[in-house]
Amino acid sequence: MSIVLIDSVSAAVTGSQGFSVPSLGQSVGLKSSGLAGSEVVTIQVEVNGTFIDLVEGGATITLTVANPHRTINGSGIYRVTKLSTAGAVTVTAG
């Protein structure tokens, strides 16, 4: 079952609805469509009630034109954000 986090939107999204990865050993796949050029969707995780950018190896985890899919491993509450984009962007989790 997929959840639509961003539904065909070109305006900035400061925080989609949250989605959870319930326990260690489980994962959720994210998929974006509609990004162009250097546009990105940033993945965030909730830490102590505040969402922060998800970082791996010192780099913020994003969805891009070249890498529109990402698997989130590990329990937690996550969401996605994006700046304004040239075209409508959709992001799903599931």
C-alpha atoms as a PDB file:
ATOM      1  CA  MET A   1       0.000   0.000   0.000  1.00  0.00           C
ATOM      2  CA  SER A   2       1.411   3.398  -0.993  1.00  0.00           C
ATOM      3  CA  ILE A   3       0.903   6.708   0.791  1.00  0.00           C
ATOM      4  CA  VAL A   4       1.038   9.902  -1.273  1.00  0.00           C
ATOM      5  CA  LEU A   5       3.260  12.355   0.608  1.00  0.00           C
ATOM      6  CA  ILE A   6       3.360  15.079  -2.058  1.00  0.00           C
ATOM      7  CA  ASP A   7       0.600  15.007  -4.667  1.00  0.00           C
ATOM      8  CA  SER A   8       1.556  16.686  -7.946  1.00  0.00           C
ATOM      9  CA  VAL A   9       2.694  20.001  -6.434  1.00  0.00           C
ATOM     10  CA  SER A  10       5.127  22.603  -7.792  1.00  0.00           C
ATOM     11  CA  ALA A  11       4.941  24.912  -4.751  1.00  0.00           C
ATOM     12  CA  ALA A  12       7.330  24.464  -1.832  1.00  0.00           C
ATOM     13  CA  VAL A  13       6.376  21.826   0.735  1.00  0.00           C
ATOM     14  CA  THR A  14       7.786  22.533   4.193  1.00  0.00           C
ATOM     15  CA  GLY A  15       6.717  19.170   5.556  1.00  0.00           C
ATOM     16  CA  SER A  16       4.605  16.359   4.184  1.00  0.00           C
ATOM     17  CA  GLN A  17       2.488  14.163   6.381  1.00  0.00           C
ATOM     18  CA  GLY A  18       4.673  11.890   8.452  1.00  0.00           C
ATOM     19  CA  PHE A  19       5.119   8.205   7.792  1.00  0.00           C
ATOM     20  CA  SER A  20       6.629   5.601  10.041  1.00  0.00           C
ATOM     21  CA  VAL A  21       8.995   2.704   9.828  1.00  0.00           C
ATOM     22  CA  PRO A  22       7.691   0.723  12.797  1.00  0.00           C
ATOM     23  CA  SER A  23      10.709  -1.327  13.837  1.00  0.00           C
ATOM     24  CA  LEU A  24      14.298  -2.205  13.081  1.00  0.00           C
ATOM     25  CA  GLY A  25      14.540  -4.714  10.277  1.00  0.00           C
ATOM     26  CA  GLN A  26      11.637  -3.112   8.393  1.00  0.00           C
ATOM     27  CA  SER A  27      11.878  -0.571   5.603  1.00  0.00           C
ATOM     28  CA  VAL A  28       9.796   1.831   3.530  1.00  0.00           C
ATOM     29  CA  GLY A  29      10.511   2.747  -0.083  1.00  0.00           C
ATOM     30  CA  LEU A  30      10.180   6.332  -1.312  1.00  0.00           C
ATOM     31  CA  LYS A  31       9.642   7.250  -4.950  1.00  0.00           C
ATOM     32  CA  SER A  32       9.565  10.675  -6.586  1.00  0.00           C
ATOM     33  CA  SER A  33       8.491  11.792 -10.035  1.00  0.00           C
ATOM     34  CA  GLY A  34       8.485  15.166 -11.761  1.00  0.00           C
ATOM     35  CA  LEU A  35      11.829  16.497 -10.506  1.00  0.00           C
ATOM     36  CA  ALA A  36      13.977  18.348 -13.046  1.00  0.00           C
ATOM     37  CA  GLY A  37      17.600  19.442 -13.189  1.00  0.00           C
ATOM     38  CA  SER A  38      19.068  19.938  -9.723  1.00  0.00           C
ATOM     39  CA  GLU A  39      15.725  19.880  -7.862  1.00  0.00           C
ATOM     40  CA  VAL A  40      15.626  17.663  -4.762  1.00  0.00           C
ATOM     41  CA  VAL A  41      13.227  16.257  -2.215  1.00  0.00           C
ATOM     42  CA  THR A  42      14.803  16.130   1.254  1.00  0.00           C
ATOM     43  CA  ILE A  43      14.054  13.286   3.648  1.00  0.00           C
ATOM     44  CA  GLN A  44      13.694  14.221   7.323  1.00  0.00           C
ATOM     45  CA  VAL A  45      13.454  12.182  10.531  1.00  0.00           C
ATOM     46  CA  GLU A  46      11.814  13.162  13.819  1.00  0.00           C
ATOM     47  CA  VAL A  47      14.223  13.472  16.743  1.00  0.00           C
ATOM     48  CA  ASN A  48      12.858  14.564  20.143  1.00  0.00           C
ATOM     49  CA  GLY A  49       9.744  16.067  18.535  1.00  0.00           C
ATOM     50  CA  THR A  50      11.625  18.036  15.838  1.00  0.00           C
ATOM     51  CA  PHE A  51      12.167  17.033  12.213  1.00  0.00           C
ATOM     52  CA  ILE A  52      15.768  17.252  10.994  1.00  0.00           C
ATOM     53  CA  ASP A  53      17.365  16.341   7.677  1.00  0.00           C
ATOM     54  CA  LEU A  54      18.288  12.659   7.468  1.00  0.00           C
ATOM     55  CA  VAL A  55      22.058  12.389   7.056  1.00  0.00           C
ATOM     56  CA  GLU A  56      24.185   9.436   6.014  1.00  0.00           C
ATOM     57  CA  GLY A  57      27.962   9.606   5.825  1.00  0.00           C
ATOM     58  CA  GLY A  58      27.847  13.378   6.315  1.00  0.00           C
ATOM     59  CA  ALA A  59      25.471  13.976   3.364  1.00  0.00           C
ATOM     60  CA  THR A  60      21.785  14.894   3.505  1.00  0.00           C
ATOM     61  CA  ILE A  61      19.606  12.129   2.050  1.00  0.00           C
ATOM     62  CA  THR A  62      17.574  13.352  -0.938  1.00  0.00           C
ATOM     63  CA  LEU A  63      15.557  12.144  -3.894  1.00  0.00           C
ATOM     64  CA  THR A  64      16.847  13.546  -7.206  1.00  0.00           C
ATOM     65  CA  VAL A  65      16.334  13.208 -10.949  1.00  0.00           C
ATOM     66  CA  ALA A  66      19.188  10.688 -11.055  1.00  0.00           C
ATOM     67  CA  ASN A  67      18.121   8.901  -7.837  1.00  0.00           C
ATOM     68  CA  PRO A  68      14.327   9.091  -7.549  1.00  0.00           C
ATOM     69  CA  HIS A  69      14.058   6.025  -5.268  1.00  0.00           C
ATOM     70  CA  ARG A  70      15.288   5.525  -1.728  1.00  0.00           C
ATOM     71  CA  THR A  71      14.711   2.843   0.892  1.00  0.00           C
ATOM     72  CA  ILE A  72      14.472   3.997   4.498  1.00  0.00           C
ATOM     73  CA  ASN A  73      15.700   1.408   6.982  1.00  0.00           C
ATOM     74  CA  GLY A  74      15.268   1.772  10.709  1.00  0.00           C
ATOM     75  CA  SER A  75      12.429   2.687  12.990  1.00  0.00           C
ATOM     76  CA  GLY A  76      11.222   6.261  13.234  1.00  0.00           C
ATOM     77  CA  ILE A  77       8.844   8.910  11.959  1.00  0.00           C
ATOM     78  CA  TYR A  78       9.862  10.481   8.654  1.00  0.00           C
ATOM     79  CA  ARG A  79       8.591  13.168   6.267  1.00  0.00           C
ATOM     80  CA  VAL A  80       9.764  14.881   3.080  1.00  0.00           C
ATOM     81  CA  THR A  81      10.237  18.533   2.093  1.00  0.00           C
ATOM     82  CA  LYS A  82      11.012  20.381  -1.136  1.00  0.00           C
ATOM     83  CA  LEU A  83      11.522  23.865  -2.490  1.00  0.00           C
ATOM     84  CA  SER A  84       9.442  25.222  -5.374  1.00  0.00           C
ATOM     85  CA  THR A  85       9.932  23.167  -8.532  1.00  0.00           C
ATOM     86  CA  ALA A  86       9.541  23.915 -12.230  1.00  0.00           C
ATOM     87  CA  GLY A  87       6.875  21.230 -12.596  1.00  0.00           C
ATOM     88  CA  ALA A  88       4.528  19.223 -10.441  1.00  0.00           C
ATOM     89  CA  VAL A  89       6.278  16.705  -8.173  1.00  0.00           C
ATOM     90  CA  THR A  90       4.777  13.598  -6.614  1.00  0.00           C
ATOM     91  CA  VAL A  91       6.350  11.575  -3.795  1.00  0.00           C
ATOM     92  CA  THR A  92       4.979   8.291  -2.496  1.00  0.00           C
ATOM     93  CA  ALA A  93       5.972   6.008   0.366  1.00  0.00           C
ATOM     94  CA  GLY A  94       5.179   2.337   0.519  1.00  0.00           C
END
